[in-house]
Protein backbone atom coordinates (compact mmCIF):
# COMPACT_ATOMS: atom_id res chain seq x y z
CA MET A 1 57.55 276.85 41.04
CA LYS A 2 53.86 277.63 41.34
CA LYS A 3 51.63 276.01 38.75
CA VAL A 4 48.99 278.47 37.54
CA ASN A 5 45.51 277.00 37.10
CA ILE A 6 43.44 278.36 34.22
CA ALA A 7 39.71 278.12 33.54
CA LEU A 8 38.35 278.79 30.06
CA LEU A 9 34.83 280.19 29.86
CA GLY A 10 33.55 279.36 26.39
CA LEU A 11 35.25 277.18 23.79
CA GLY A 12 33.91 278.79 20.64
CA THR A 13 36.06 280.41 17.96
CA VAL A 14 38.24 282.53 20.26
CA GLY A 15 38.17 280.23 23.28
CA GLY A 16 39.05 277.31 21.04
CA GLY A 17 41.93 279.20 19.48
CA THR A 18 43.21 280.06 22.96
CA TYR A 19 43.02 276.42 24.05
CA ASP A 20 44.88 275.32 20.92
CA ILE A 21 47.74 277.78 21.51
CA LEU A 22 48.04 276.93 25.21
CA THR A 23 48.23 273.21 24.48
CA LYS A 24 50.16 273.08 21.20
CA ASN A 25 52.74 275.71 22.19
CA ARG A 26 53.05 274.63 25.79
CA ASP A 27 56.75 273.73 25.54
CA ILE A 28 57.60 277.06 23.90
CA ILE A 29 55.69 278.99 26.56
CA LEU A 30 57.36 277.07 29.40
CA GLU A 31 60.81 277.57 27.86
CA ARG A 32 60.32 281.31 27.35
CA THR A 33 58.57 282.12 30.62
CA GLY A 34 59.67 279.50 33.10
CA VAL A 35 56.09 279.37 34.35
CA ASP A 36 54.08 276.15 34.52
CA TYR A 37 50.31 276.08 34.02
CA GLU A 38 47.34 273.77 33.69
CA ILE A 39 43.86 274.15 32.20
CA THR A 40 41.64 272.84 34.98
CA HIS A 41 38.11 273.85 33.93
CA ILE A 42 36.26 274.52 30.68
CA PHE A 43 32.85 276.17 31.09
CA GLU A 44 31.18 275.02 27.88
CA LYS A 45 27.68 273.71 27.16
CA TYR A 46 28.56 271.55 24.17
CA ALA A 47 30.84 268.53 24.60
CA THR A 48 31.41 268.56 20.84
CA GLN A 49 33.41 271.76 21.24
CA LEU A 50 35.82 270.01 23.59
CA GLU A 51 36.05 267.03 21.26
CA LYS A 52 36.77 269.36 18.34
CA HIS A 53 39.89 270.65 20.10
CA GLY A 54 40.93 267.38 21.71
CA ALA A 55 40.18 268.64 25.21
CA PRO A 56 39.47 266.02 27.90
CA LEU A 57 35.76 265.85 28.66
CA SER A 58 36.66 265.68 32.34
CA LEU A 59 37.41 269.42 32.15
CA GLN A 60 33.85 270.32 31.11
CA THR A 61 31.59 272.00 33.66
CA LEU A 62 28.37 274.00 33.64
CA ASP A 63 28.76 275.06 37.27
CA ILE A 64 30.16 278.59 37.08
CA ASP A 65 30.27 278.87 40.88
CA SER A 66 32.69 275.94 41.06
CA ILE A 67 35.10 278.11 39.09
CA ILE A 68 34.72 281.63 40.43
CA GLU A 69 34.36 280.52 44.06
CA SER A 70 37.32 278.14 43.83
CA ASP A 71 40.56 278.57 45.75
CA ASP A 72 42.38 276.60 43.07
CA VAL A 73 41.65 278.78 40.00
CA ASP A 74 44.15 281.57 39.38
CA VAL A 75 43.02 282.91 35.99
CA ILE A 76 39.76 282.79 34.06
CA VAL A 77 39.57 283.51 30.35
CA GLU A 78 36.12 284.93 29.54
CA CYS A 79 35.19 284.14 25.93
CA LEU A 80 31.43 283.95 26.41
CA GLY A 81 30.49 287.22 24.72
CA GLY A 82 27.45 289.21 25.66
CA MET A 83 27.09 291.64 28.52
CA ASP A 84 25.21 290.95 31.77
CA PHE A 85 26.31 287.39 32.59
CA PRO A 86 30.00 287.84 31.61
CA VAL A 87 30.21 291.12 33.53
CA SER A 88 28.73 289.48 36.61
CA VAL A 89 31.13 286.55 36.34
CA MET A 90 34.19 288.75 35.80
CA THR A 91 33.28 291.07 38.65
CA ARG A 92 32.77 288.23 41.11
CA ALA A 93 35.97 286.50 40.03
CA LEU A 94 38.07 289.65 40.35
CA LYS A 95 36.69 290.42 43.81
CA ASN A 96 37.56 286.86 44.80
CA GLY A 97 41.16 287.39 43.73
CA ILE A 98 40.94 285.51 40.43
CA SER A 99 42.57 287.32 37.54
CA VAL A 100 40.59 287.81 34.34
CA VAL A 101 41.52 287.87 30.66
CA THR A 102 38.83 288.75 28.12
CA PRO A 103 38.43 289.84 24.49
CA ASN A 104 34.94 291.18 25.31
CA LYS A 105 35.40 294.83 24.34
CA ALA A 106 31.73 295.80 24.75
CA ALA A 107 31.56 294.46 28.30
CA VAL A 108 34.85 296.05 29.38
CA ALA A 109 34.18 299.39 27.69
CA ALA A 110 30.72 299.81 29.21
CA ASN A 111 31.82 298.66 32.68
CA TYR A 112 35.45 299.73 32.83
CA ASP A 113 35.32 301.54 36.17
CA MET A 114 33.43 298.74 37.92
CA LEU A 115 35.71 295.99 36.61
CA HIS A 116 38.83 298.03 37.39
CA SER A 117 37.59 298.61 40.94
CA ALA A 118 36.79 294.91 41.37
CA ALA A 119 40.34 294.01 40.28
CA GLU A 120 41.79 296.44 42.81
CA GLU A 121 39.52 295.12 45.56
CA GLY A 122 40.57 291.53 44.91
CA HIS A 123 44.22 292.36 44.18
CA ALA A 124 43.77 290.61 40.83
CA TYR A 125 44.77 291.34 37.26
CA LEU A 126 42.29 292.47 34.58
CA LYS A 127 43.66 292.24 31.04
CA PHE A 128 41.93 292.69 27.70
CA GLU A 129 44.59 293.04 25.01
CA ALA A 130 42.49 291.02 22.56
CA ALA A 131 39.61 293.50 22.85
CA VAL A 132 41.35 295.94 20.48
CA GLY A 133 43.04 294.94 17.25
CA GLY A 134 42.92 291.16 17.63
CA GLY A 135 46.52 289.98 17.55
CA ILE A 136 48.00 293.50 17.45
CA PRO A 137 49.73 294.10 20.84
CA ILE A 138 48.62 297.72 21.08
CA LEU A 139 47.24 297.96 24.63
CA THR A 140 50.20 296.22 26.26
CA THR A 141 52.60 298.40 24.30
CA ILE A 142 50.80 301.57 25.42
CA GLN A 143 50.83 300.47 29.06
CA GLU A 144 54.40 299.19 29.13
CA GLN A 145 56.95 300.06 26.42
CA LEU A 146 55.33 303.42 25.62
CA ALA A 147 54.14 304.27 29.13
CA GLY A 148 56.50 307.25 29.28
CA ASN A 149 54.73 309.04 26.43
CA HIS A 150 52.05 311.71 26.47
CA PHE A 151 49.74 310.71 23.62
CA THR A 152 47.98 313.50 21.77
CA ASP A 153 46.48 311.61 18.83
CA ILE A 154 44.97 308.18 18.18
CA MET A 155 43.62 307.30 14.76
CA GLY A 156 42.63 303.80 13.81
CA ILE A 157 40.95 301.36 11.49
CA LEU A 158 39.56 299.16 14.24
CA ASN A 159 36.99 296.96 12.51
CA GLY A 160 37.91 294.32 9.94
CA THR A 161 34.36 293.82 8.65
CA THR A 162 33.86 297.42 7.59
CA ASN A 163 37.37 297.70 6.21
CA TYR A 164 36.78 294.57 4.13
CA ILE A 165 33.53 296.00 2.76
CA LEU A 166 35.06 299.38 1.88
CA THR A 167 38.01 297.64 0.23
CA LYS A 168 35.71 295.54 -1.97
CA MET A 169 33.70 298.62 -2.92
CA LEU A 170 36.85 300.46 -3.96
CA LYS A 171 38.88 297.73 -5.63
CA GLN A 172 36.14 295.56 -7.14
CA GLY A 173 33.36 298.08 -7.61
CA GLN A 174 30.93 296.10 -5.46
CA LYS A 175 27.85 297.78 -4.08
CA TYR A 176 27.61 297.96 -0.29
CA GLU A 177 25.01 295.15 -0.10
CA ASP A 178 27.13 292.83 -2.28
CA ALA A 179 30.31 293.56 -0.35
CA LEU A 180 28.51 292.86 2.94
CA SER A 181 27.19 289.57 1.57
CA ASP A 182 30.72 288.68 0.47
CA ALA A 183 32.03 289.51 3.95
CA LYS A 184 29.46 287.17 5.51
CA LYS A 185 30.35 284.34 3.12
CA ASN A 186 34.02 284.68 3.99
CA GLY A 187 33.41 284.77 7.72
CA PHE A 188 34.39 288.42 8.22
CA ALA A 189 30.87 289.57 9.14
CA GLU A 190 28.41 288.20 11.68
CA PRO A 191 24.91 287.14 10.60
CA ASP A 192 23.78 290.35 12.32
CA PRO A 193 26.52 292.86 11.38
CA THR A 194 24.89 295.87 13.07
CA ALA A 195 27.61 296.43 15.69
CA ASP A 196 30.25 296.45 12.96
CA VAL A 197 28.64 298.44 10.16
CA GLU A 198 27.08 301.04 12.48
CA GLY A 199 30.44 301.75 14.12
CA ILE A 200 29.46 300.44 17.57
CA ASP A 201 32.35 297.98 17.68
CA CYS A 202 34.80 300.78 16.85
CA ALA A 203 33.36 303.01 19.57
CA ASN A 204 33.93 300.27 22.16
CA LYS A 205 37.54 299.87 21.06
CA LEU A 206 38.18 303.61 20.92
CA CYS A 207 36.88 303.89 24.48
CA LEU A 208 39.54 301.44 25.67
CA LEU A 209 42.31 303.10 23.68
CA MET A 210 41.41 306.51 25.10
CA VAL A 211 41.31 305.40 28.71
CA LEU A 212 44.66 303.62 28.51
CA ALA A 213 46.56 306.01 26.25
CA MET A 214 45.07 309.31 27.35
CA GLY A 215 43.57 308.61 30.77
CA LYS A 216 40.15 309.74 29.52
CA TYR A 217 37.18 307.43 30.02
CA VAL A 218 34.16 308.11 27.82
CA ASN A 219 31.29 305.65 27.77
CA PRO A 220 31.01 304.23 24.23
CA GLN A 221 27.42 305.44 23.98
CA GLN A 222 28.69 309.00 24.43
CA ILE A 223 31.15 308.77 21.55
CA PRO A 224 29.72 310.40 18.37
CA THR A 225 29.42 307.42 16.05
CA LYS A 226 28.43 306.95 12.40
CA GLY A 227 28.81 303.73 10.44
CA ILE A 228 29.27 302.93 6.77
CA THR A 229 25.73 302.00 5.73
CA ASP A 230 25.25 305.28 3.87
CA VAL A 231 28.55 305.13 1.96
CA THR A 232 27.85 304.74 -1.76
CA MET A 233 29.93 303.81 -4.77
CA GLU A 234 29.64 307.44 -5.85
CA ASP A 235 31.20 308.51 -2.53
CA ILE A 236 34.02 305.99 -2.96
CA GLN A 237 34.79 307.11 -6.51
CA ALA A 238 34.56 310.83 -5.74
CA ALA A 239 37.01 310.42 -2.85
CA TYR A 240 39.41 308.46 -5.04
CA ASN A 241 39.27 311.16 -7.69
CA ARG A 242 40.39 313.58 -4.97
CA GLY A 243 43.34 311.34 -4.12
CA CYS A 244 41.68 309.77 -1.07
CA VAL A 245 40.12 306.54 0.16
CA ILE A 246 37.18 306.26 2.55
CA LYS A 247 37.86 304.37 5.77
CA LEU A 248 35.82 303.97 8.94
CA ILE A 249 38.04 305.92 11.31
CA ALA A 250 38.09 305.97 15.11
CA HIS A 251 39.84 309.16 16.19
CA ALA A 252 40.73 310.84 19.48
CA SER A 253 42.89 313.91 19.87
CA LEU A 254 44.07 316.06 22.76
CA THR A 255 44.78 319.69 21.96
CA ASP A 256 45.08 322.96 23.85
CA ASP A 257 41.44 323.56 22.90
CA GLY A 258 40.15 320.33 24.43
CA PHE A 259 39.44 316.66 23.81
CA GLU A 260 37.84 315.46 20.58
CA TYR A 261 36.72 311.93 19.71
CA TYR A 262 34.46 310.24 17.16
CA VAL A 263 33.88 307.26 14.88
CA LYS A 264 32.87 307.99 11.29
CA PRO A 265 33.76 307.36 7.63
CA GLU A 266 36.53 309.72 6.57
CA GLU A 267 38.49 310.50 3.44
CA ILE A 268 42.12 309.57 4.00
CA PRO A 269 44.81 310.85 1.58
CA LEU A 270 46.43 308.05 -0.41
CA ASP A 271 49.85 308.90 1.01
CA HIS A 272 48.68 308.41 4.62
CA PRO A 273 49.85 305.09 6.17
CA LEU A 274 46.25 304.11 7.01
CA ALA A 275 45.16 304.40 3.38
CA SER A 276 46.94 301.17 2.42
CA VAL A 277 45.29 299.08 5.15
CA SER A 278 42.97 296.77 3.22
CA ASN A 279 40.48 293.94 3.64
CA GLU A 280 40.08 292.55 7.18
CA PHE A 281 43.26 294.12 8.54
CA ASN A 282 43.31 296.67 11.37
CA ALA A 283 45.78 299.45 12.10
CA ILE A 284 46.28 301.95 14.91
CA TYR A 285 48.21 305.18 14.35
CA LEU A 286 49.60 306.91 17.47
CA ASP A 287 51.42 310.15 18.15
CA GLY A 288 53.43 310.35 21.37
CA ASP A 289 55.51 313.29 22.54
CA ALA A 290 58.63 311.14 23.05
CA VAL A 291 58.37 308.43 20.41
CA GLY A 292 56.65 310.45 17.67
CA GLU A 293 54.37 308.79 15.13
CA LEU A 294 53.88 305.00 15.17
CA MET A 295 51.55 302.62 13.36
CA PHE A 296 50.59 299.12 14.47
CA TYR A 297 49.18 296.80 11.80
CA GLY A 298 47.81 293.27 11.72
CA LYS A 299 44.80 290.99 11.62
CA GLY A 300 42.04 292.34 13.82
CA ALA A 301 40.10 289.11 14.33
CA GLY A 302 40.22 285.34 14.00
CA ALA A 303 40.69 282.41 16.34
CA LEU A 304 44.48 282.34 16.42
CA PRO A 305 45.34 286.07 16.17
CA THR A 306 42.87 286.85 18.97
CA GLY A 307 43.94 283.76 20.89
CA SER A 308 47.55 284.93 20.59
CA ALA A 309 46.68 288.20 22.35
CA ILE A 310 44.78 286.33 25.07
CA VAL A 311 47.70 283.98 25.67
CA GLY A 312 50.02 286.98 25.89
CA ASP A 313 47.82 288.38 28.67
CA ILE A 314 47.77 285.01 30.44
CA ILE A 315 51.57 284.84 30.32
CA ALA A 316 51.87 288.35 31.74
CA ILE A 317 49.58 287.38 34.63
CA MET A 318 51.44 284.15 35.26
CA LYS A 319 54.72 286.05 35.49
CA GLY A 320 53.13 288.51 37.88
CA LEU A 321 51.75 285.74 40.09
CA GLN A 322 55.13 284.01 40.08
CA ASN A 323 56.81 287.16 41.40
CA GLU A 324 54.32 287.79 44.20
């Protein structure tokens, strides 16, 4: 049995959650998959992060080349965030035959073709389940269990921060500024929430959903996008009086007339399944020609939900490597 060697790049919230699952649930993973693995490197600046998760300090390294040029690393998990450096690292690793798992939706969405080509060149796996919907296994399901479907419609609540804010405005009557402040206090919004509240995060995720479900790649910057900063309490109440709730919706549809896609606040009828999705939860609503209408629902962020999706990708790669 081949032991798969894993390098973690970044041990922050998501990287730390991934490490915790891989170590604490090791016996369960081995029993279910029959694949053995070892974490051999942790690319992390702060030793305190390793200590926080009980990781041996001997795993710490700041030499990225020792990882991506190694013959002994099979999988890297990129949890660094950002764009230029992570993209460079992932591209080099893939070309060198090292498989990559990442939750970095902005990096993958903006550089999908290049990363996909690098994976093909290096005969490596590129997986990013955690980039859309946190712990919701939507991308894997589209690519595997539902791969026989022709999808004509994708509609989703893809950002927990904005959904939390809109929920507080509706149910507690909070003004936008107060709801955003509340979201920050509860850890649902970043100190700089621009990517969330302006819809940029949703556009990145919609890009990945479209390319996998519909075979249509559109750069996120080309997706018409409007956030929630202009949504007022008056808008919320007026929509409710009409039997609707306002949600930040990412939508793509294929019709005989063409291909339509956008991110914007929309009024959703109260009897629509997406209308009941509240607080930080995400949901993706799909329509396939064989399976019909489906909705996937769950927590869209957090250390363990996101880490769960990453570990699922790692397991899929390990199984693939074992069968080669």
